[in-house]
Amino acid sequence: MKFDKMGWFVAVGLLGCMVGMGFQGSSQKIGTVDLARVFNESDFAKSQDGSLKTMGASRKAILDFIAAYRAIPTEDAQKFRDLSLKPNGGATEKAELDRIRQAALATDQKFRDLQTKASPTDADRTQLNEFGRRANENMAFAQRLEQEFTEEIRQKQEGLRNETLKRAKAAVADVAAKQGYSVIFVEDVAPYSANDVTTEALKAMNAKK
């Protein structure tokens, strides 16, 4: 799973047809909006997209580390996961992460040396078996983590999509009310309307922090 590449921007076809309601009167004023553009080009969506990619990249780095150093003690793999995801980690956490990385490098080198040793001793074979056991445990751990991370990011995406769409619709409704529109349709429903409020709605959305 490419956690740092997972998209969440909205597609026009998912938005429905009527997104804003203003005033009802004897004559209707009807407008259109490219709601997908308001959604995707808003400052809020762009900032949240960045945070989502950062979230994905941090989790991918954990999986890459475990895959690269499968023979490390399982408790180190678990600790690496916990410390890597800990917000605002201090010097103590950083030092422990550095220790795990250095120990992983040393273990990996020892594992490679034993695998290519011409005449391994009984102790060497015992150590190789232990490394193999750790590798199997860490592979299973990584599989569980990937499932956990995938679901975590899916939920985050859904929450961000719903919040951004809510803000986009609110911005359209604000423009509709201020400019006296009776109703505003998504652009693909009424593509030939002269009253396109997309730019105004985008400005209204970006104005609200």
C-alpha atoms as a PDB file:
ATOM      1  CA  MET A   1       0.000   0.000   0.000  1.00  0.00           C
ATOM      2  CA  LYS A   2       1.403   3.390  -1.024  1.00  0.00           C
ATOM      3  CA  PHE A   3       0.347   5.267   2.097  1.00  0.00           C
ATOM      4  CA  ASP A   4       1.943   8.532   0.935  1.00  0.00           C
ATOM      5  CA  LYS A   5       0.088   8.433  -2.412  1.00  0.00           C
ATOM      6  CA  MET A   6      -3.471   7.730  -1.312  1.00  0.00           C
ATOM      7  CA  GLY A   7      -5.824  10.303  -2.822  1.00  0.00           C
ATOM      8  CA  TRP A   8      -8.962  11.645  -1.224  1.00  0.00           C
ATOM      9  CA  PHE A   9     -10.086  14.593  -3.392  1.00  0.00           C
ATOM     10  CA  VAL A  10     -13.720  14.527  -4.412  1.00  0.00           C
ATOM     11  CA  ALA A  11     -15.223  13.716  -7.799  1.00  0.00           C
ATOM     12  CA  VAL A  12     -18.033  15.802  -9.292  1.00  0.00           C
ATOM     13  CA  GLY A  13     -20.378  12.888  -9.743  1.00  0.00           C
ATOM     14  CA  LEU A  14     -20.543  12.241  -5.999  1.00  0.00           C
ATOM     15  CA  LEU A  15     -21.819  15.653  -5.026  1.00  0.00           C
ATOM     16  CA  GLY A  16     -25.501  15.616  -5.898  1.00  0.00           C
ATOM     17  CA  CYS A  17     -27.219  18.245  -7.973  1.00  0.00           C
ATOM     18  CA  MET A  18     -28.403  21.061  -5.678  1.00  0.00           C
ATOM     19  CA  VAL A  19     -25.897  22.482  -3.222  1.00  0.00           C
ATOM     20  CA  GLY A  20     -27.074  25.890  -2.097  1.00  0.00           C
ATOM     21  CA  MET A  21     -30.407  27.516  -1.315  1.00  0.00           C
ATOM     22  CA  GLY A  22     -30.866  31.237  -0.973  1.00  0.00           C
ATOM     23  CA  PHE A  23     -34.090  33.248  -1.286  1.00  0.00           C
ATOM     24  CA  GLN A  24     -37.430  32.200  -2.771  1.00  0.00           C
ATOM     25  CA  GLY A  25     -39.355  34.872  -4.582  1.00  0.00           C
ATOM     26  CA  SER A  26     -41.605  35.574  -7.554  1.00  0.00           C
ATOM     27  CA  SER A  27     -38.642  35.235  -9.921  1.00  0.00           C
ATOM     28  CA  GLN A  28     -35.933  32.718  -9.381  1.00  0.00           C
ATOM     29  CA  LYS A  29     -32.250  33.458  -9.700  1.00  0.00           C
ATOM     30  CA  ILE A  30     -30.398  30.269 -10.593  1.00  0.00           C
ATOM     31  CA  GLY A  31     -26.664  29.712 -10.591  1.00  0.00           C
ATOM     32  CA  THR A  32     -24.153  26.926 -11.008  1.00  0.00           C
ATOM     33  CA  VAL A  33     -20.956  25.943  -9.243  1.00  0.00           C
ATOM     34  CA  ASP A  34     -18.037  23.642  -9.935  1.00  0.00           C
ATOM     35  CA  LEU A  35     -18.149  22.169  -6.467  1.00  0.00           C
ATOM     36  CA  ALA A  36     -15.278  19.788  -7.133  1.00  0.00           C
ATOM     37  CA  ARG A  37     -13.075  22.784  -7.915  1.00  0.00           C
ATOM     38  CA  VAL A  38     -14.172  24.592  -4.748  1.00  0.00           C
ATOM     39  CA  PHE A  39     -13.375  21.403  -2.816  1.00  0.00           C
ATOM     40  CA  ASN A  40     -10.044  20.563  -4.440  1.00  0.00           C
ATOM     41  CA  GLU A  41      -8.598  24.066  -4.804  1.00  0.00           C
ATOM     42  CA  SER A  42      -9.516  25.327  -1.350  1.00  0.00           C
ATOM     43  CA  ASP A  43      -6.746  26.177   1.080  1.00  0.00           C
ATOM     44  CA  PHE A  44      -8.310  23.814   3.607  1.00  0.00           C
ATOM     45  CA  ALA A  45      -8.232  20.833   1.231  1.00  0.00           C
ATOM     46  CA  LYS A  46      -4.634  21.511   0.243  1.00  0.00           C
ATOM     47  CA  SER A  47      -3.472  21.750   3.858  1.00  0.00           C
ATOM     48  CA  GLN A  48      -5.320  18.588   4.817  1.00  0.00           C
ATOM     49  CA  ASP A  49      -3.923  16.752   1.794  1.00  0.00           C
ATOM     50  CA  GLY A  50      -0.441  17.597   3.006  1.00  0.00           C
ATOM     51  CA  SER A  51      -1.144  16.291   6.498  1.00  0.00           C
ATOM     52  CA  LEU A  52      -2.647  13.116   5.062  1.00  0.00           C
ATOM     53  CA  LYS A  53       0.432  12.455   2.927  1.00  0.00           C
ATOM     54  CA  THR A  54       2.680  13.063   5.947  1.00  0.00           C
ATOM     55  CA  MET A  55       0.610  10.590   7.923  1.00  0.00           C
ATOM     56  CA  GLY A  56       0.939   8.014   5.167  1.00  0.00           C
ATOM     57  CA  ALA A  57       4.664   8.571   4.687  1.00  0.00           C
ATOM     58  CA  SER A  58       5.406   8.072   8.391  1.00  0.00           C
ATOM     59  CA  ARG A  59       3.580   4.760   8.407  1.00  0.00           C
ATOM     60  CA  LYS A  60       5.225   3.592   5.215  1.00  0.00           C
ATOM     61  CA  ALA A  61       8.623   4.340   6.782  1.00  0.00           C
ATOM     62  CA  ILE A  62       7.786   2.023   9.684  1.00  0.00           C
ATOM     63  CA  LEU A  63       6.844  -0.822   7.358  1.00  0.00           C
ATOM     64  CA  ASP A  64       9.954  -0.256   5.239  1.00  0.00           C
ATOM     65  CA  PHE A  65      12.154  -0.394   8.341  1.00  0.00           C
ATOM     66  CA  ILE A  66      10.675  -3.672   9.557  1.00  0.00           C
ATOM     67  CA  ALA A  67      10.927  -5.180   6.067  1.00  0.00           C
ATOM     68  CA  ALA A  68      14.582  -4.159   5.801  1.00  0.00           C
ATOM     69  CA  TYR A  69      15.574  -5.411   9.273  1.00  0.00           C
ATOM     70  CA  ARG A  70      13.363  -8.427   9.828  1.00  0.00           C
ATOM     71  CA  ALA A  71      15.778 -10.147  12.224  1.00  0.00           C
ATOM     72  CA  ILE A  72      15.598  -7.465  14.928  1.00  0.00           C
ATOM     73  CA  PRO A  73      13.966  -8.411  18.235  1.00  0.00           C
ATOM     74  CA  THR A  74      10.187  -8.178  17.923  1.00  0.00           C
ATOM     75  CA  GLU A  75      10.046  -5.862  20.918  1.00  0.00           C
ATOM     76  CA  ASP A  76      12.330  -3.444  19.067  1.00  0.00           C
ATOM     77  CA  ALA A  77      10.040  -3.545  16.020  1.00  0.00           C
ATOM     78  CA  GLN A  78       7.062  -2.757  18.240  1.00  0.00           C
ATOM     79  CA  LYS A  79       8.931   0.003  20.053  1.00  0.00           C
ATOM     80  CA  PHE A  80      10.059   1.490  16.741  1.00  0.00           C
ATOM     81  CA  ARG A  81       6.427   1.660  15.642  1.00  0.00           C
ATOM     82  CA  ASP A  82       5.281   3.287  18.910  1.00  0.00           C
ATOM     83  CA  LEU A  83       8.074   5.854  19.061  1.00  0.00           C
ATOM     84  CA  SER A  84       7.825   6.742  15.365  1.00  0.00           C
ATOM     85  CA  LEU A  85       4.140   7.588  15.743  1.00  0.00           C
ATOM     86  CA  LYS A  86       4.501   9.401  19.053  1.00  0.00           C
ATOM     87  CA  PRO A  87       3.703  13.111  18.578  1.00  0.00           C
ATOM     88  CA  ASN A  88       6.278  15.595  19.809  1.00  0.00           C
ATOM     89  CA  GLY A  89       8.832  13.015  20.871  1.00  0.00           C
ATOM     90  CA  GLY A  90      11.700  14.405  22.900  1.00  0.00           C
ATOM     91  CA  ALA A  91      15.395  13.656  23.250  1.00  0.00           C
ATOM     92  CA  THR A  92      14.770  10.409  25.113  1.00  0.00           C
ATOM     93  CA  GLU A  93      12.564   9.051  22.350  1.00  0.00           C
ATOM     94  CA  LYS A  94      15.014  10.149  19.655  1.00  0.00           C
ATOM     95  CA  ALA A  95      17.882   8.439  21.470  1.00  0.00           C
ATOM     96  CA  GLU A  96      15.926   5.207  21.704  1.00  0.00           C
ATOM     97  CA  LEU A  97      15.050   5.316  18.001  1.00  0.00           C
ATOM     98  CA  ASP A  98      18.733   5.829  17.200  1.00  0.00           C
ATOM     99  CA  ARG A  99      19.619   2.860  19.404  1.00  0.00           C
ATOM    100  CA  ILE A 100      17.091   0.654  17.586  1.00  0.00           C
ATOM    101  CA  ARG A 101      18.423   1.722  14.197  1.00  0.00           C
ATOM    102  CA  GLN A 102      22.043   1.034  15.164  1.00  0.00           C
ATOM    103  CA  ALA A 103      21.145  -2.328  16.709  1.00  0.00           C
ATOM    104  CA  ALA A 104      19.185  -3.207  13.571  1.00  0.00           C
ATOM    105  CA  LEU A 105      22.193  -2.488  11.372  1.00  0.00           C
ATOM    106  CA  ALA A 106      24.426  -4.630  13.551  1.00  0.00           C
ATOM    107  CA  THR A 107      21.925  -7.487  13.652  1.00  0.00           C
ATOM    108  CA  ASP A 108      21.427  -7.370   9.903  1.00  0.00           C
ATOM    109  CA  GLN A 109      25.175  -7.554   9.299  1.00  0.00           C
ATOM    110  CA  LYS A 110      25.528 -10.484  11.690  1.00  0.00           C
ATOM    111  CA  PHE A 111      22.621 -12.274  10.003  1.00  0.00           C
ATOM    112  CA  ARG A 112      24.257 -11.852   6.588  1.00  0.00           C
ATOM    113  CA  ASP A 113      27.629 -13.006   7.879  1.00  0.00           C
ATOM    114  CA  LEU A 114      26.152 -16.161   9.411  1.00  0.00           C
ATOM    115  CA  GLN A 115      24.205 -16.946   6.240  1.00  0.00           C
ATOM    116  CA  THR A 116      27.405 -16.938   4.209  1.00  0.00           C
ATOM    117  CA  LYS A 117      29.709 -18.552   6.792  1.00  0.00           C
ATOM    118  CA  ALA A 118      31.442 -21.582   5.333  1.00  0.00           C
ATOM    119  CA  SER A 119      31.519 -23.727   8.477  1.00  0.00           C
ATOM    120  CA  PRO A 120      28.875 -22.564  10.976  1.00  0.00           C
ATOM    121  CA  THR A 121      29.128 -23.873  14.515  1.00  0.00           C
ATOM    122  CA  ASP A 122      26.243 -25.172  16.573  1.00  0.00           C
ATOM    123  CA  ALA A 123      26.039 -21.749  18.208  1.00  0.00           C
ATOM    124  CA  ASP A 124      25.893 -20.149  14.774  1.00  0.00           C
ATOM    125  CA  ARG A 125      23.020 -22.434  13.747  1.00  0.00           C
ATOM    126  CA  THR A 126      21.182 -21.620  16.955  1.00  0.00           C
ATOM    127  CA  GLN A 127      21.595 -17.912  16.251  1.00  0.00           C
ATOM    128  CA  LEU A 128      20.416 -18.355  12.674  1.00  0.00           C
ATOM    129  CA  ASN A 129      17.324 -20.165  13.891  1.00  0.00           C
ATOM    130  CA  GLU A 130      16.638 -17.311  16.287  1.00  0.00           C
ATOM    131  CA  PHE A 131      17.015 -14.755  13.510  1.00  0.00           C
ATOM    132  CA  GLY A 132      14.618 -16.792  11.362  1.00  0.00           C
ATOM    133  CA  ARG A 133      12.081 -16.930  14.163  1.00  0.00           C
ATOM    134  CA  ARG A 134      12.271 -13.166  14.619  1.00  0.00           C
ATOM    135  CA  ALA A 135      11.898 -12.619  10.875  1.00  0.00           C
ATOM    136  CA  ASN A 136       8.703 -14.673  10.798  1.00  0.00           C
ATOM    137  CA  GLU A 137       7.290 -12.823  13.800  1.00  0.00           C
ATOM    138  CA  ASN A 138       8.155  -9.437  12.349  1.00  0.00           C
ATOM    139  CA  MET A 139       6.644 -10.294   8.968  1.00  0.00           C
ATOM    140  CA  ALA A 140       3.372 -11.200  10.682  1.00  0.00           C
ATOM    141  CA  PHE A 141       3.607  -8.013  12.769  1.00  0.00           C
ATOM    142  CA  ALA A 142       4.161  -5.922   9.627  1.00  0.00           C
ATOM    143  CA  GLN A 143       1.120  -7.483   7.960  1.00  0.00           C
ATOM    144  CA  ARG A 144      -1.033  -6.558  10.955  1.00  0.00           C
ATOM    145  CA  LEU A 145       0.398  -3.041  10.921  1.00  0.00           C
ATOM    146  CA  GLU A 146      -0.349  -2.606   7.224  1.00  0.00           C
ATOM    147  CA  GLN A 147      -3.982  -3.537   7.805  1.00  0.00           C
ATOM    148  CA  GLU A 148      -4.142  -1.214  10.804  1.00  0.00           C
ATOM    149  CA  PHE A 149      -2.550   1.670   8.913  1.00  0.00           C
ATOM    150  CA  THR A 150      -4.768   1.158   5.860  1.00  0.00           C
ATOM    151  CA  GLU A 151      -7.926   1.359   7.962  1.00  0.00           C
ATOM    152  CA  GLU A 152      -6.581   4.313   9.950  1.00  0.00           C
ATOM    153  CA  ILE A 153      -5.862   6.287   6.794  1.00  0.00           C
ATOM    154  CA  ARG A 154      -9.187   5.303   5.221  1.00  0.00           C
ATOM    155  CA  GLN A 155     -11.033   6.697   8.230  1.00  0.00           C
ATOM    156  CA  LYS A 156      -8.912   9.845   8.152  1.00  0.00           C
ATOM    157  CA  GLN A 157      -9.631  10.301   4.441  1.00  0.00           C
ATOM    158  CA  GLU A 158     -13.350   9.879   4.962  1.00  0.00           C
ATOM    159  CA  GLY A 159     -13.413  12.372   7.808  1.00  0.00           C
ATOM    160  CA  LEU A 160     -11.430  14.945   5.832  1.00  0.00           C
ATOM    161  CA  ARG A 161     -13.592  14.451   2.740  1.00  0.00           C
ATOM    162  CA  ASN A 162     -16.800  14.955   4.720  1.00  0.00           C
ATOM    163  CA  GLU A 163     -15.459  18.022   6.544  1.00  0.00           C
ATOM    164  CA  THR A 164     -14.150  19.635   3.355  1.00  0.00           C
ATOM    165  CA  LEU A 165     -17.360  18.955   1.455  1.00  0.00           C
ATOM    166  CA  LYS A 166     -19.351  20.427   4.354  1.00  0.00           C
ATOM    167  CA  ARG A 167     -17.234  23.593   4.216  1.00  0.00           C
ATOM    168  CA  ALA A 168     -17.536  23.815   0.433  1.00  0.00           C
ATOM    169  CA  LYS A 169     -21.329  23.545   0.541  1.00  0.00           C
ATOM    170  CA  ALA A 170     -21.478  26.115   3.330  1.00  0.00           C
ATOM    171  CA  ALA A 171     -19.415  28.517   1.206  1.00  0.00           C
ATOM    172  CA  VAL A 172     -21.797  28.059  -1.751  1.00  0.00           C
ATOM    173  CA  ALA A 173     -24.800  28.631   0.517  1.00  0.00           C
ATOM    174  CA  ASP A 174     -23.148  31.798   1.829  1.00  0.00           C
ATOM    175  CA  VAL A 175     -22.687  33.143  -1.705  1.00  0.00           C
ATOM    176  CA  ALA A 176     -26.268  32.168  -2.578  1.00  0.00           C
ATOM    177  CA  ALA A 177     -27.644  34.074   0.380  1.00  0.00           C
ATOM    178  CA  LYS A 178     -25.544  37.195  -0.174  1.00  0.00           C
ATOM    179  CA  GLN A 179     -26.221  37.374  -3.919  1.00  0.00           C
ATOM    180  CA  GLY A 180     -29.899  36.457  -3.821  1.00  0.00           C
ATOM    181  CA  TYR A 181     -29.821  33.079  -5.585  1.00  0.00           C
ATOM    182  CA  SER A 182     -32.861  30.850  -5.258  1.00  0.00           C
ATOM    183  CA  VAL A 183     -30.878  27.721  -6.013  1.00  0.00           C
ATOM    184  CA  ILE A 184     -27.416  26.779  -7.182  1.00  0.00           C
ATOM    185  CA  PHE A 185     -26.808  23.577  -9.118  1.00  0.00           C
ATOM    186  CA  VAL A 186     -23.622  21.592  -9.557  1.00  0.00           C
ATOM    187  CA  GLU A 187     -22.114  22.566 -12.886  1.00  0.00           C
ATOM    188  CA  ASP A 188     -22.584  19.232 -14.685  1.00  0.00           C
ATOM    189  CA  VAL A 189     -26.339  19.365 -14.010  1.00  0.00           C
ATOM    190  CA  ALA A 190     -26.802  22.818 -15.552  1.00  0.00           C
ATOM    191  CA  PRO A 191     -23.570  23.483 -17.482  1.00  0.00           C
ATOM    192  CA  TYR A 192     -24.808  26.425 -19.573  1.00  0.00           C
ATOM    193  CA  SER A 193     -25.897  28.822 -16.844  1.00  0.00           C
ATOM    194  CA  ALA A 194     -24.415  32.292 -17.112  1.00  0.00           C
ATOM    195  CA  ASN A 195     -24.301  32.613 -13.333  1.00  0.00           C
ATOM    196  CA  ASP A 196     -21.229  30.619 -12.280  1.00  0.00           C
ATOM    197  CA  VAL A 197     -20.394  31.281  -8.626  1.00  0.00           C
ATOM    198  CA  THR A 198     -17.369  28.958  -8.400  1.00  0.00           C
ATOM    199  CA  THR A 199     -14.793  31.716  -7.938  1.00  0.00           C
ATOM    200  CA  GLU A 200     -16.906  33.507  -5.333  1.00  0.00           C
ATOM    201  CA  ALA A 201     -17.545  30.267  -3.435  1.00  0.00           C
ATOM    202  CA  LEU A 202     -13.841  29.413  -3.424  1.00  0.00           C
ATOM    203  CA  LYS A 203     -13.016  32.851  -2.052  1.00  0.00           C
ATOM    204  CA  ALA A 204     -15.729  32.492   0.596  1.00  0.00           C
ATOM    205  CA  MET A 205     -14.376  29.094   1.664  1.00  0.00           C
ATOM    206  CA  ASN A 206     -10.784  30.330   1.869  1.00  0.00           C
ATOM    207  CA  ALA A 207     -11.908  33.351   3.890  1.00  0.00           C
ATOM    208  CA  LYS A 208     -13.121  31.075   6.695  1.00  0.00           C
ATOM    209  CA  LYS A 209     -10.234  29.583   8.639  1.00  0.00           C
END
